[in-house]
Amino acid sequence: MEQETNVEFRMVDDDELPPVVITHNDDDQVKVVVNIRHKIWLSLHRKTIAGVAEPLFGKLDVILTGMLREQRRDELYE
């Protein structure tokens, strides 16, 4: 059974935060914070930002595959 994934989105107006932050909320679920202080930059790069999901998944997949290979190697040598 697949777990339902909800992403929390927050909009802030903050001089110190970058345009977009991917983090977690109090329930350890994904939270995306969009800083409207950077609305011109966000507008100019909206298509690039929207297209980042697939390459980001690819990078995360490489990291996790490496971690799993290390864990499996450790398991074999125990």
Protein backbone atom coordinates (compact mmCIF):
# COMPACT_ATOMS: atom_id res chain seq x y z
CA MET A 1 0.00 0.00 0.00
CA GLU A 2 1.48 3.32 -1.07
CA GLN A 3 1.67 6.12 1.48
CA GLU A 4 -0.01 9.38 0.46
CA THR A 5 2.47 12.23 0.24
CA ASN A 6 1.39 15.75 1.05
CA VAL A 7 3.69 18.67 0.38
CA GLU A 8 3.20 21.77 2.49
CA PHE A 9 3.76 25.04 0.66
CA ARG A 10 4.48 28.29 2.48
CA MET A 11 4.94 31.75 1.08
CA VAL A 12 7.11 34.16 3.04
CA ASP A 13 8.54 37.64 2.58
CA ASP A 14 11.99 37.52 4.16
CA ASP A 15 15.22 39.40 3.35
CA GLU A 16 17.40 36.62 4.74
CA LEU A 17 15.91 33.55 3.04
CA PRO A 18 16.75 32.39 -0.50
CA PRO A 19 14.04 32.29 -3.18
CA VAL A 20 13.09 28.61 -2.63
CA VAL A 21 13.78 26.26 0.28
CA ILE A 22 12.91 22.57 0.46
CA THR A 23 12.76 21.46 4.08
CA HIS A 24 10.51 19.49 6.44
CA ASN A 25 7.65 20.45 8.70
CA ASP A 26 6.98 19.39 12.30
CA ASP A 27 5.50 16.09 11.05
CA ASP A 28 8.68 15.33 9.05
CA GLN A 29 6.83 15.85 5.76
CA VAL A 30 8.18 17.84 2.82
CA LYS A 31 7.69 21.59 3.04
CA VAL A 32 8.51 24.05 0.25
CA VAL A 33 9.01 27.67 1.24
CA VAL A 34 8.73 30.26 -1.54
CA ASN A 35 10.11 33.68 -0.67
CA ILE A 36 8.11 36.33 -2.52
CA ARG A 37 10.83 38.87 -1.71
CA HIS A 38 12.50 37.36 -4.81
CA LYS A 39 9.36 37.46 -6.99
CA ILE A 40 11.11 39.02 -10.01
CA TRP A 41 13.87 36.38 -9.94
CA LEU A 42 11.29 33.64 -9.37
CA SER A 43 9.26 34.93 -12.31
CA LEU A 44 12.27 35.05 -14.62
CA HIS A 45 13.35 31.50 -13.68
CA ARG A 46 9.92 29.87 -13.24
CA LYS A 47 10.37 27.37 -16.07
CA THR A 48 13.82 26.33 -14.87
CA ILE A 49 12.51 25.93 -11.31
CA ALA A 50 9.58 23.86 -12.56
CA GLY A 51 11.92 21.65 -14.58
CA VAL A 52 14.28 20.90 -11.69
CA ALA A 53 12.19 18.03 -10.29
CA GLU A 54 13.47 15.29 -12.61
CA PRO A 55 17.19 16.19 -12.38
CA LEU A 56 16.84 16.60 -8.60
CA PHE A 57 15.36 13.11 -8.39
CA GLY A 58 18.30 11.81 -10.41
CA LYS A 59 20.82 13.35 -7.99
CA LEU A 60 18.95 12.01 -4.96
CA ASP A 61 18.80 8.59 -6.59
CA VAL A 62 22.60 8.57 -7.06
CA ILE A 63 23.13 9.52 -3.39
CA LEU A 64 20.70 6.90 -2.10
CA THR A 65 21.99 4.14 -4.36
CA GLY A 66 25.50 4.80 -3.10
CA MET A 67 24.30 4.71 0.50
CA LEU A 68 22.45 1.42 -0.07
CA ARG A 69 25.51 -0.13 -1.75
CA GLU A 70 27.64 0.82 1.27
CA GLN A 71 25.07 -0.66 3.68
CA ARG A 72 24.87 -3.86 1.64
CA ARG A 73 28.66 -4.15 1.50
CA ASP A 74 28.81 -3.70 5.28
CA GLU A 75 26.12 -6.37 5.68
CA LEU A 76 28.14 -8.84 3.60
CA TYR A 77 31.27 -8.30 5.70
CA GLU A 78 29.56 -8.71 9.09
